Amino acid sequence: GRGRADDADRGFYSGEIRGVRLWNRVVTHDDLWGTPSDPGAGTQATAG
């Protein structure tokens, strides 16, 4: 709902926010759209 710059809180948000996620890595295409099943690679279908 806000940011910080020049030693002050600012940029207060107006509207709706949901589904906030944070990672210590790069998000990839499969994170968003899901991973298809690949028995040869040992991966199961996973929703994004």
All heavy atoms as atom14 arrays in JSON, in Angstrom:
{
  "sequence": "GRGRADDADRGFYSGEIRGVRLWNRVVTHDDLWGTPSDPGAGTQATAG",
  "atom14_mask": [
    [1, 1, 1, 1, 0, 0, 0, 0, 0, 0, 0, 0, 0, 0],
    [1, 1, 1, 1, 1, 1, 1, 1, 1, 1, 1, 0, 0, 0],
    [1, 1, 1, 1, 0, 0, 0, 0, 0, 0, 0, 0, 0, 0],
    [1, 1, 1, 1, 1, 1, 1, 1, 1, 1, 1, 0, 0, 0],
    [1, 1, 1, 1, 1, 0, 0, 0, 0, 0, 0, 0, 0, 0],
    [1, 1, 1, 1, 1, 1, 1, 1, 0, 0, 0, 0, 0, 0],
    [1, 1, 1, 1, 1, 1, 1, 1, 0, 0, 0, 0, 0, 0],
    [1, 1, 1, 1, 1, 0, 0, 0, 0, 0, 0, 0, 0, 0],
    [1, 1, 1, 1, 1, 1, 1, 1, 0, 0, 0, 0, 0, 0],
    [1, 1, 1, 1, 1, 1, 1, 1, 1, 1, 1, 0, 0, 0],
    [1, 1, 1, 1, 0, 0, 0, 0, 0, 0, 0, 0, 0, 0],
    [1, 1, 1, 1, 1, 1, 1, 1, 1, 1, 1, 0, 0, 0],
    [1, 1, 1, 1, 1, 1, 1, 1, 1, 1, 1, 1, 0, 0],
    [1, 1, 1, 1, 1, 1, 0, 0, 0, 0, 0, 0, 0, 0],
    [1, 1, 1, 1, 0, 0, 0, 0, 0, 0, 0, 0, 0, 0],
    [1, 1, 1, 1, 1, 1, 1, 1, 1, 0, 0, 0, 0, 0],
    [1, 1, 1, 1, 1, 1, 1, 1, 0, 0, 0, 0, 0, 0],
    [1, 1, 1, 1, 1, 1, 1, 1, 1, 1, 1, 0, 0, 0],
    [1, 1, 1, 1, 0, 0, 0, 0, 0, 0, 0, 0, 0, 0],
    [1, 1, 1, 1, 1, 1, 1, 0, 0, 0, 0, 0, 0, 0],
    [1, 1, 1, 1, 1, 1, 1, 1, 1, 1, 1, 0, 0, 0],
    [1, 1, 1, 1, 1, 1, 1, 1, 0, 0, 0, 0, 0, 0],
    [1, 1, 1, 1, 1, 1, 1, 1, 1, 1, 1, 1, 1, 1],
    [1, 1, 1, 1, 1, 1, 1, 1, 0, 0, 0, 0, 0, 0],
    [1, 1, 1, 1, 1, 1, 1, 1, 1, 1, 1, 0, 0, 0],
    [1, 1, 1, 1, 1, 1, 1, 0, 0, 0, 0, 0, 0, 0],
    [1, 1, 1, 1, 1, 1, 1, 0, 0, 0, 0, 0, 0, 0],
    [1, 1, 1, 1, 1, 1, 1, 0, 0, 0, 0, 0, 0, 0],
    [1, 1, 1, 1, 1, 1, 1, 1, 1, 1, 0, 0, 0, 0],
    [1, 1, 1, 1, 1, 1, 1, 1, 0, 0, 0, 0, 0, 0],
    [1, 1, 1, 1, 1, 1, 1, 1, 0, 0, 0, 0, 0, 0],
    [1, 1, 1, 1, 1, 1, 1, 1, 0, 0, 0, 0, 0, 0],
    [1, 1, 1, 1, 1, 1, 1, 1, 1, 1, 1, 1, 1, 1],
    [1, 1, 1, 1, 0, 0, 0, 0, 0, 0, 0, 0, 0, 0],
    [1, 1, 1, 1, 1, 1, 1, 0, 0, 0, 0, 0, 0, 0],
    [1, 1, 1, 1, 1, 1, 1, 0, 0, 0, 0, 0, 0, 0],
    [1, 1, 1, 1, 1, 1, 0, 0, 0, 0, 0, 0, 0, 0],
    [1, 1, 1, 1, 1, 1, 1, 1, 0, 0, 0, 0, 0, 0],
    [1, 1, 1, 1, 1, 1, 1, 0, 0, 0, 0, 0, 0, 0],
    [1, 1, 1, 1, 0, 0, 0, 0, 0, 0, 0, 0, 0, 0],
    [1, 1, 1, 1, 1, 0, 0, 0, 0, 0, 0, 0, 0, 0],
    [1, 1, 1, 1, 0, 0, 0, 0, 0, 0, 0, 0, 0, 0],
    [1, 1, 1, 1, 1, 1, 1, 0, 0, 0, 0, 0, 0, 0],
    [1, 1, 1, 1, 1, 1, 1, 1, 1, 0, 0, 0, 0, 0],
    [1, 1, 1, 1, 1, 0, 0, 0, 0, 0, 0, 0, 0, 0],
    [1, 1, 1, 1, 1, 1, 1, 0, 0, 0, 0, 0, 0, 0],
    [1, 1, 1, 1, 1, 0, 0, 0, 0, 0, 0, 0, 0, 0],
    [1, 1, 1, 1, 0, 0, 0, 0, 0, 0, 0, 0, 0, 0]
  ],
  "atom14_positions": [
    [[0.79, -1.23, 0.0], [0.0, 0.0, 0.0], [0.82, 1.27, 0.0], [0.25, 2.37, -0.03], [0.0, 0.0, 0.0], [0.0, 0.0, 0.0], [0.0, 0.0, 0.0], [0.0, 0.0, 0.0], [0.0, 0.0, 0.0], [0.0, 0.0, 0.0], [0.0, 0.0, 0.0], [0.0, 0.0, 0.0], [0.0, 0.0, 0.0], [0.0, 0.0, 0.0]],
    [[2.15, 1.18, -0.01], [2.99, 2.37, -0.08], [4.41, 2.0, -0.49], [4.8, 0.83, -0.47], [3.04, 3.11, 1.25], [3.76, 2.33, 2.35], [4.34, 3.25, 3.42], [4.91, 2.52, 4.54], [6.14, 2.01, 4.55], [6.91, 2.1, 3.48], [6.6, 1.37, 5.62], [0.0, 0.0, 0.0], [0.0, 0.0, 0.0], [0.0, 0.0, 0.0]],
    [[5.23, 3.04, -0.8], [6.66, 2.89, -1.0], [7.41, 3.78, -0.04], [6.84, 4.38, 0.88], [0.0, 0.0, 0.0], [0.0, 0.0, 0.0], [0.0, 0.0, 0.0], [0.0, 0.0, 0.0], [0.0, 0.0, 0.0], [0.0, 0.0, 0.0], [0.0, 0.0, 0.0], [0.0, 0.0, 0.0], [0.0, 0.0, 0.0], [0.0, 0.0, 0.0]],
    [[8.73, 3.9, -0.28], [9.56, 4.76, 0.54], [10.63, 5.39, -0.35], [11.28, 4.7, -1.16], [10.21, 3.97, 1.68], [11.04, 4.83, 2.64], [11.41, 4.04, 3.89], [12.24, 4.84, 4.81], [11.76, 5.76, 5.62], [10.46, 6.02, 5.65], [12.57, 6.43, 6.43], [0.0, 0.0, 0.0], [0.0, 0.0, 0.0], [0.0, 0.0, 0.0]],
    [[10.84, 6.69, -0.22], [11.86, 7.42, -0.97], [12.2, 8.69, -0.22], [11.33, 9.27, 0.47], [11.38, 7.74, -2.39], [0.0, 0.0, 0.0], [0.0, 0.0, 0.0], [0.0, 0.0, 0.0], [0.0, 0.0, 0.0], [0.0, 0.0, 0.0], [0.0, 0.0, 0.0], [0.0, 0.0, 0.0], [0.0, 0.0, 0.0], [0.0, 0.0, 0.0]],
    [[13.46, 9.13, -0.36], [13.89, 10.38, 0.28], [13.58, 10.38, 1.77], [13.1, 11.39, 2.33], [13.25, 11.59, -0.4], [13.6, 11.67, -1.88], [14.72, 11.3, -2.23], [12.72, 12.08, -2.67], [0.0, 0.0, 0.0], [0.0, 0.0, 0.0], [0.0, 0.0, 0.0], [0.0, 0.0, 0.0], [0.0, 0.0, 0.0], [0.0, 0.0, 0.0]],
    [[13.81, 9.25, 2.43], [13.64, 9.11, 3.88], [12.2, 9.28, 4.35], [11.96, 9.58, 5.53], [14.53, 10.12, 4.63], [16.01, 9.89, 4.37], [16.41, 8.73, 4.29], [16.75, 10.88, 4.22], [0.0, 0.0, 0.0], [0.0, 0.0, 0.0], [0.0, 0.0, 0.0], [0.0, 0.0, 0.0], [0.0, 0.0, 0.0], [0.0, 0.0, 0.0]],
    [[11.23, 9.07, 3.45], [9.83, 9.26, 3.85], [8.95, 8.23, 3.15], [9.23, 7.8, 2.02], [9.36, 10.67, 3.51], [0.0, 0.0, 0.0], [0.0, 0.0, 0.0], [0.0, 0.0, 0.0], [0.0, 0.0, 0.0], [0.0, 0.0, 0.0], [0.0, 0.0, 0.0], [0.0, 0.0, 0.0], [0.0, 0.0, 0.0], [0.0, 0.0, 0.0]],
    [[7.87, 7.84, 3.84], [6.87, 6.97, 3.23], [6.04, 7.79, 2.25], [5.63, 8.91, 2.56], [5.96, 6.38, 4.3], [6.72, 5.48, 5.27], [7.84, 5.07, 4.94], [6.18, 5.22, 6.36], [0.0, 0.0, 0.0], [0.0, 0.0, 0.0], [0.0, 0.0, 0.0], [0.0, 0.0, 0.0], [0.0, 0.0, 0.0], [0.0, 0.0, 0.0]],
    [[5.79, 7.21, 1.07], [5.04, 7.95, 0.06], [4.46, 6.99, -0.97], [4.67, 5.78, -0.89], [5.93, 8.99, -0.62], [7.19, 8.41, -1.28], [8.09, 9.52, -1.84], [8.66, 10.31, -0.77], [8.63, 11.65, -0.75], [8.04, 12.32, -1.73], [9.2, 12.32, 0.23], [0.0, 0.0, 0.0], [0.0, 0.0, 0.0], [0.0, 0.0, 0.0]],
    [[3.74, 7.54, -1.95], [3.15, 6.71, -3.01], [2.05, 5.81, -2.5], [1.95, 4.65, -2.9], [0.0, 0.0, 0.0], [0.0, 0.0, 0.0], [0.0, 0.0, 0.0], [0.0, 0.0, 0.0], [0.0, 0.0, 0.0], [0.0, 0.0, 0.0], [0.0, 0.0, 0.0], [0.0, 0.0, 0.0], [0.0, 0.0, 0.0], [0.0, 0.0, 0.0]],
    [[1.17, 6.32, -1.64], [0.12, 5.5, -1.03], [-0.89, 5.05, -2.07], [-1.34, 5.83, -2.91], [-0.55, 6.28, 0.1], [0.38, 6.56, 1.25], [1.14, 7.7, 1.28], [0.52, 5.64, 2.28], [2.03, 7.95, 2.32], [1.4, 5.88, 3.32], [2.16, 7.04, 3.34], [0.0, 0.0, 0.0], [0.0, 0.0, 0.0], [0.0, 0.0, 0.0]],
    [[-1.24, 3.77, -1.98], [-2.04, 3.12, -3.03], [-3.53, 3.32, -2.8], [-4.01, 3.31, -1.67], [-1.72, 1.62, -3.05], [-2.38, 0.88, -4.19], [-1.87, 0.97, -5.48], [-3.51, 0.11, -3.99], [-2.47, 0.3, -6.53], [-4.12, -0.57, -5.02], [-3.6, -0.46, -6.29], [-4.21, -1.12, -7.33], [0.0, 0.0, 0.0], [0.0, 0.0, 0.0]],
    [[-4.25, 3.47, -3.9], [-5.71, 3.52, -3.86], [-6.25, 2.43, -4.8], [-6.0, 2.47, -6.01], [-6.22, 4.9, -4.31], [-7.63, 4.93, -4.33], [0.0, 0.0, 0.0], [0.0, 0.0, 0.0], [0.0, 0.0, 0.0], [0.0, 0.0, 0.0], [0.0, 0.0, 0.0], [0.0, 0.0, 0.0], [0.0, 0.0, 0.0], [0.0, 0.0, 0.0]],
    [[-6.96, 1.48, -4.23], [-7.5, 0.38, -5.03], [-7.4, -0.91, -4.24], [-7.22, -0.91, -3.03], [0.0, 0.0, 0.0], [0.0, 0.0, 0.0], [0.0, 0.0, 0.0], [0.0, 0.0, 0.0], [0.0, 0.0, 0.0], [0.0, 0.0, 0.0], [0.0, 0.0, 0.0], [0.0, 0.0, 0.0], [0.0, 0.0, 0.0], [0.0, 0.0, 0.0]],
    [[-7.51, -2.03, -4.94], [-7.51, -3.34, -4.31], [-6.26, -4.13, -4.66], [-5.72, -3.99, -5.76], [-8.76, -4.11, -4.72], [-10.04, -3.54, -4.1], [-11.24, -3.68, -5.0], [-11.38, -4.76, -5.6], [-12.03, -2.73, -5.11], [0.0, 0.0, 0.0], [0.0, 0.0, 0.0], [0.0, 0.0, 0.0], [0.0, 0.0, 0.0], [0.0, 0.0, 0.0]],
    [[-5.8, -4.92, -3.71], [-4.61, -5.75, -3.87], [-4.92, -7.11, -3.27], [-5.52, -7.22, -2.2], [-3.38, -5.14, -3.16], [-3.1, -3.72, -3.65], [-2.15, -6.03, -3.37], [-2.01, -3.01, -2.87], [0.0, 0.0, 0.0], [0.0, 0.0, 0.0], [0.0, 0.0, 0.0], [0.0, 0.0, 0.0], [0.0, 0.0, 0.0], [0.0, 0.0, 0.0]],
    [[-4.48, -8.17, -3.94], [-4.61, -9.52, -3.41], [-3.49, -10.38, -3.98], [-2.79, -9.98, -4.91], [-5.97, -10.14, -3.76], [-6.23, -10.31, -5.25], [-7.58, -10.97, -5.51], [-7.91, -11.04, -6.92], [-7.55, -12.02, -7.75], [-6.83, -13.04, -7.28], [-7.91, -12.02, -9.02], [0.0, 0.0, 0.0], [0.0, 0.0, 0.0], [0.0, 0.0, 0.0]],
    [[-3.31, -11.56, -3.39], [-2.37, -12.54, -3.94], [-0.94, -12.05, -4.01], [-0.27, -12.27, -5.02], [0.0, 0.0, 0.0], [0.0, 0.0, 0.0], [0.0, 0.0, 0.0], [0.0, 0.0, 0.0], [0.0, 0.0, 0.0], [0.0, 0.0, 0.0], [0.0, 0.0, 0.0], [0.0, 0.0, 0.0], [0.0, 0.0, 0.0], [0.0, 0.0, 0.0]],
    [[-0.43, -11.43, -2.94], [0.95, -10.93, -2.94], [1.9, -12.08, -2.59], [1.72, -12.77, -1.58], [1.12, -9.78, -1.95], [2.58, -9.32, -1.89], [0.22, -8.61, -2.33], [0.0, 0.0, 0.0], [0.0, 0.0, 0.0], [0.0, 0.0, 0.0], [0.0, 0.0, 0.0], [0.0, 0.0, 0.0], [0.0, 0.0, 0.0], [0.0, 0.0, 0.0]],
    [[2.92, -12.29, -3.42], [3.92, -13.32, -3.19], [5.32, -12.74, -3.36], [5.53, -11.86, -4.2], [3.75, -14.48, -4.18], [2.49, -15.34, -3.99], [2.39, -16.35, -5.12], [1.39, -17.37, -4.9], [0.12, -17.29, -5.28], [-0.3, -16.18, -5.89], [-0.72, -18.28, -5.06], [0.0, 0.0, 0.0], [0.0, 0.0, 0.0], [0.0, 0.0, 0.0]],
    [[6.29, -13.29, -2.59], [7.69, -12.89, -2.67], [8.56, -14.13, -2.78], [8.31, -15.14, -2.11], [8.1, -12.1, -1.42], [7.29, -10.85, -1.07], [7.73, -10.33, 0.29], [7.48, -9.77, -2.13], [0.0, 0.0, 0.0], [0.0, 0.0, 0.0], [0.0, 0.0, 0.0], [0.0, 0.0, 0.0], [0.0, 0.0, 0.0], [0.0, 0.0, 0.0]],
    [[9.6, -14.05, -3.62], [10.55, -15.15, -3.79], [11.98, -14.62, -3.71], [12.25, -13.5, -4.15], [10.41, -15.81, -5.16], [9.16, -16.55, -5.49], [8.96, -17.89, -5.42], [7.95, -16.0, -6.02], [7.7, -18.22, -5.88], [7.06, -17.06, -6.25], [7.54, -14.69, -6.33], [5.78, -16.88, -6.75], [6.27, -14.5, -6.83], [5.4, -15.58, -7.04]],
    [[12.9, -15.45, -3.25], [14.34, -15.16, -3.35], [14.93, -15.85, -4.57], [15.92, -16.56, -4.51], [15.07, -15.62, -2.08], [14.82, -14.7, -0.91], [14.64, -13.5, -1.07], [14.8, -15.27, 0.29], [0.0, 0.0, 0.0], [0.0, 0.0, 0.0], [0.0, 0.0, 0.0], [0.0, 0.0, 0.0], [0.0, 0.0, 0.0], [0.0, 0.0, 0.0]],
    [[14.29, -15.68, -5.68], [14.73, -16.24, -6.96], [13.97, -15.55, -8.07], [13.07, -14.73, -7.84], [14.51, -17.75, -7.02], [13.04, -18.17, -6.93], [12.89, -19.66, -7.19], [11.52, -20.14, -7.03], [10.61, -20.16, -8.0], [10.9, -19.68, -9.21], [9.39, -20.63, -7.77], [0.0, 0.0, 0.0], [0.0, 0.0, 0.0], [0.0, 0.0, 0.0]],
    [[14.3, -15.93, -9.29], [13.6, -15.41, -10.48], [12.33, -16.23, -10.71], [12.36, -17.47, -10.69], [14.51, -15.5, -11.71], [13.75, -15.13, -12.99], [15.73, -14.59, -11.53], [0.0, 0.0, 0.0], [0.0, 0.0, 0.0], [0.0, 0.0, 0.0], [0.0, 0.0, 0.0], [0.0, 0.0, 0.0], [0.0, 0.0, 0.0], [0.0, 0.0, 0.0]],
    [[11.2, -15.57, -10.9], [9.97, -16.25, -11.3], [10.03, -16.54, -12.8], [10.46, -15.69, -13.6], [8.74, -15.39, -10.95], [7.52, -15.81, -11.75], [8.43, -15.5, -9.46], [0.0, 0.0, 0.0], [0.0, 0.0, 0.0], [0.0, 0.0, 0.0], [0.0, 0.0, 0.0], [0.0, 0.0, 0.0], [0.0, 0.0, 0.0], [0.0, 0.0, 0.0]],
    [[9.62, -17.73, -13.19], [9.69, -18.15, -14.59], [8.29, -18.37, -15.16], [7.28, -18.31, -14.46], [10.49, -19.46, -14.71], [9.75, -20.53, -14.11], [11.85, -19.35, -14.02], [0.0, 0.0, 0.0], [0.0, 0.0, 0.0], [0.0, 0.0, 0.0], [0.0, 0.0, 0.0], [0.0, 0.0, 0.0], [0.0, 0.0, 0.0], [0.0, 0.0, 0.0]],
    [[8.27, -18.64, -16.44], [7.03, -18.9, -17.17], [6.2, -19.99, -16.5], [4.97, -19.88, -16.35], [7.37, -19.28, -18.61], [6.21, -19.68, -19.46], [5.69, -20.95, -19.47], [5.47, -18.97, -20.34], [4.68, -21.0, -20.32], [4.53, -19.82, -20.86], [0.0, 0.0, 0.0], [0.0, 0.0, 0.0], [0.0, 0.0, 0.0], [0.0, 0.0, 0.0]],
    [[6.86, -21.08, -16.08], [6.13, -22.2, -15.48], [5.51, -21.83, -14.15], [4.48, -22.4, -13.77], [7.05, -23.4, -15.31], [7.31, -24.13, -16.63], [6.9, -23.59, -17.68], [7.92, -25.21, -16.61], [0.0, 0.0, 0.0], [0.0, 0.0, 0.0], [0.0, 0.0, 0.0], [0.0, 0.0, 0.0], [0.0, 0.0, 0.0], [0.0, 0.0, 0.0]],
    [[6.13, -20.93, -13.38], [5.52, -20.48, -12.13], [4.14, -19.88, -12.39], [3.22, -20.03, -11.59], [6.39, -19.42, -11.45], [7.66, -20.0, -10.86], [7.57, -20.97, -10.09], [8.74, -19.48, -11.16], [0.0, 0.0, 0.0], [0.0, 0.0, 0.0], [0.0, 0.0, 0.0], [0.0, 0.0, 0.0], [0.0, 0.0, 0.0], [0.0, 0.0, 0.0]],
    [[4.02, -19.19, -13.51], [2.77, -18.5, -13.83], [1.77, -19.42, -14.5], [0.58, -19.43, -14.13], [3.06, -17.3, -14.73], [4.05, -16.27, -14.18], [4.27, -15.16, -15.19], [3.56, -15.71, -12.86], [0.0, 0.0, 0.0], [0.0, 0.0, 0.0], [0.0, 0.0, 0.0], [0.0, 0.0, 0.0], [0.0, 0.0, 0.0], [0.0, 0.0, 0.0]],
    [[2.21, -20.18, -15.48], [1.29, -20.94, -16.32], [1.23, -22.42, -16.0], [0.39, -23.13, -16.54], [1.67, -20.75, -17.79], [1.46, -19.35, -18.25], [2.41, -18.39, -18.44], [0.21, -18.72, -18.56], [1.84, -17.22, -18.85], [0.49, -17.38, -18.93], [-1.12, -19.14, -18.55], [-0.51, -16.48, -19.3], [-2.11, -18.25, -18.91], [-1.8, -16.94, -19.29]],
    [[2.12, -22.9, -15.13], [2.09, -24.3, -14.75], [3.14, -25.12, -15.48], [3.67, -24.72, -16.52], [0.0, 0.0, 0.0], [0.0, 0.0, 0.0], [0.0, 0.0, 0.0], [0.0, 0.0, 0.0], [0.0, 0.0, 0.0], [0.0, 0.0, 0.0], [0.0, 0.0, 0.0], [0.0, 0.0, 0.0], [0.0, 0.0, 0.0], [0.0, 0.0, 0.0]],
    [[3.44, -26.29, -14.92], [4.43, -27.21, -15.48], [3.72, -28.41, -16.08], [2.91, -29.05, -15.4], [5.39, -27.68, -14.39], [6.04, -26.55, -13.8], [6.44, -28.63, -14.95], [0.0, 0.0, 0.0], [0.0, 0.0, 0.0], [0.0, 0.0, 0.0], [0.0, 0.0, 0.0], [0.0, 0.0, 0.0], [0.0, 0.0, 0.0], [0.0, 0.0, 0.0]],
    [[3.99, -28.73, -17.34], [3.35, -29.92, -17.93], [3.98, -31.19, -17.38], [5.13, -31.2, -16.92], [3.63, -29.76, -19.43], [4.89, -28.94, -19.49], [4.84, -28.01, -18.31], [0.0, 0.0, 0.0], [0.0, 0.0, 0.0], [0.0, 0.0, 0.0], [0.0, 0.0, 0.0], [0.0, 0.0, 0.0], [0.0, 0.0, 0.0], [0.0, 0.0, 0.0]],
    [[3.25, -32.28, -17.46], [3.76, -33.57, -17.04], [4.84, -34.05, -18.01], [4.69, -33.95, -19.23], [2.62, -34.59, -16.98], [3.12, -35.88, -16.69], [0.0, 0.0, 0.0], [0.0, 0.0, 0.0], [0.0, 0.0, 0.0], [0.0, 0.0, 0.0], [0.0, 0.0, 0.0], [0.0, 0.0, 0.0], [0.0, 0.0, 0.0], [0.0, 0.0, 0.0]],
    [[5.94, -34.56, -17.46], [7.02, -35.12, -18.27], [7.6, -36.31, -17.51], [8.53, -36.16, -16.71], [8.11, -34.07, -18.53], [9.19, -34.57, -19.48], [9.24, -35.79, -19.75], [10.01, -33.75, -19.93], [0.0, 0.0, 0.0], [0.0, 0.0, 0.0], [0.0, 0.0, 0.0], [0.0, 0.0, 0.0], [0.0, 0.0, 0.0], [0.0, 0.0, 0.0]],
    [[7.03, -37.52, -17.69], [7.49, -38.68, -16.93], [8.98, -38.95, -17.11], [9.65, -39.38, -16.17], [6.64, -39.83, -17.49], [5.42, -39.16, -18.03], [5.89, -37.84, -18.57], [0.0, 0.0, 0.0], [0.0, 0.0, 0.0], [0.0, 0.0, 0.0], [0.0, 0.0, 0.0], [0.0, 0.0, 0.0], [0.0, 0.0, 0.0], [0.0, 0.0, 0.0]],
    [[9.51, -38.67, -18.29], [10.93, -38.91, -18.53], [11.83, -38.04, -17.68], [12.93, -38.46, -17.29], [0.0, 0.0, 0.0], [0.0, 0.0, 0.0], [0.0, 0.0, 0.0], [0.0, 0.0, 0.0], [0.0, 0.0, 0.0], [0.0, 0.0, 0.0], [0.0, 0.0, 0.0], [0.0, 0.0, 0.0], [0.0, 0.0, 0.0], [0.0, 0.0, 0.0]],
    [[11.37, -36.83, -17.39], [12.15, -35.91, -16.56], [11.73, -35.98, -15.1], [12.3, -35.28, -14.26], [11.99, -34.49, -17.08], [0.0, 0.0, 0.0], [0.0, 0.0, 0.0], [0.0, 0.0, 0.0], [0.0, 0.0, 0.0], [0.0, 0.0, 0.0], [0.0, 0.0, 0.0], [0.0, 0.0, 0.0], [0.0, 0.0, 0.0], [0.0, 0.0, 0.0]],
    [[10.72, -36.8, -14.8], [10.28, -36.95, -13.43], [9.42, -35.81, -12.92], [9.29, -35.64, -11.7], [0.0, 0.0, 0.0], [0.0, 0.0, 0.0], [0.0, 0.0, 0.0], [0.0, 0.0, 0.0], [0.0, 0.0, 0.0], [0.0, 0.0, 0.0], [0.0, 0.0, 0.0], [0.0, 0.0, 0.0], [0.0, 0.0, 0.0], [0.0, 0.0, 0.0]],
    [[8.81, -35.02, -13.81], [7.97, -33.9, -13.38], [6.5, -34.24, -13.56], [6.11, -34.89, -14.54], [8.3, -32.62, -14.17], [8.09, -32.87, -15.57], [9.73, -32.2, -13.95], [0.0, 0.0, 0.0], [0.0, 0.0, 0.0], [0.0, 0.0, 0.0], [0.0, 0.0, 0.0], [0.0, 0.0, 0.0], [0.0, 0.0, 0.0], [0.0, 0.0, 0.0]],
    [[5.69, -33.8, -12.62], [4.25, -33.97, -12.69], [3.59, -32.66, -13.06], [4.16, -31.58, -12.83], [3.71, -34.46, -11.36], [4.24, -35.83, -10.94], [3.67, -36.29, -9.62], [3.17, -35.49, -8.85], [3.74, -37.59, -9.37], [0.0, 0.0, 0.0], [0.0, 0.0, 0.0], [0.0, 0.0, 0.0], [0.0, 0.0, 0.0], [0.0, 0.0, 0.0]],
    [[2.41, -32.74, -13.65], [1.67, -31.54, -14.01], [1.37, -30.73, -12.75], [0.86, -31.26, -11.77], [0.39, -31.89, -14.74], [0.0, 0.0, 0.0], [0.0, 0.0, 0.0], [0.0, 0.0, 0.0], [0.0, 0.0, 0.0], [0.0, 0.0, 0.0], [0.0, 0.0, 0.0], [0.0, 0.0, 0.0], [0.0, 0.0, 0.0], [0.0, 0.0, 0.0]],
    [[1.7, -29.44, -12.79], [1.5, -28.55, -11.65], [0.86, -27.26, -12.15], [1.32, -26.69, -13.14], [2.83, -28.23, -10.96], [3.48, -29.44, -10.59], [2.61, -27.38, -9.72], [0.0, 0.0, 0.0], [0.0, 0.0, 0.0], [0.0, 0.0, 0.0], [0.0, 0.0, 0.0], [0.0, 0.0, 0.0], [0.0, 0.0, 0.0], [0.0, 0.0, 0.0]],
    [[-0.18, -26.81, -11.48], [-0.85, -25.57, -11.88], [0.02, -24.37, -11.54], [0.76, -24.36, -10.55], [-2.2, -25.45, -11.18], [0.0, 0.0, 0.0], [0.0, 0.0, 0.0], [0.0, 0.0, 0.0], [0.0, 0.0, 0.0], [0.0, 0.0, 0.0], [0.0, 0.0, 0.0], [0.0, 0.0, 0.0], [0.0, 0.0, 0.0], [0.0, 0.0, 0.0]],
    [[-0.07, -23.33, -12.37], [0.64, -22.1, -12.11], [-0.19, -21.16, -11.24], [-1.38, -21.41, -10.98], [0.0, 0.0, 0.0], [0.0, 0.0, 0.0], [0.0, 0.0, 0.0], [0.0, 0.0, 0.0], [0.0, 0.0, 0.0], [0.0, 0.0, 0.0], [0.0, 0.0, 0.0], [0.0, 0.0, 0.0], [0.0, 0.0, 0.0], [0.0, 0.0, 0.0]]
  ]
}
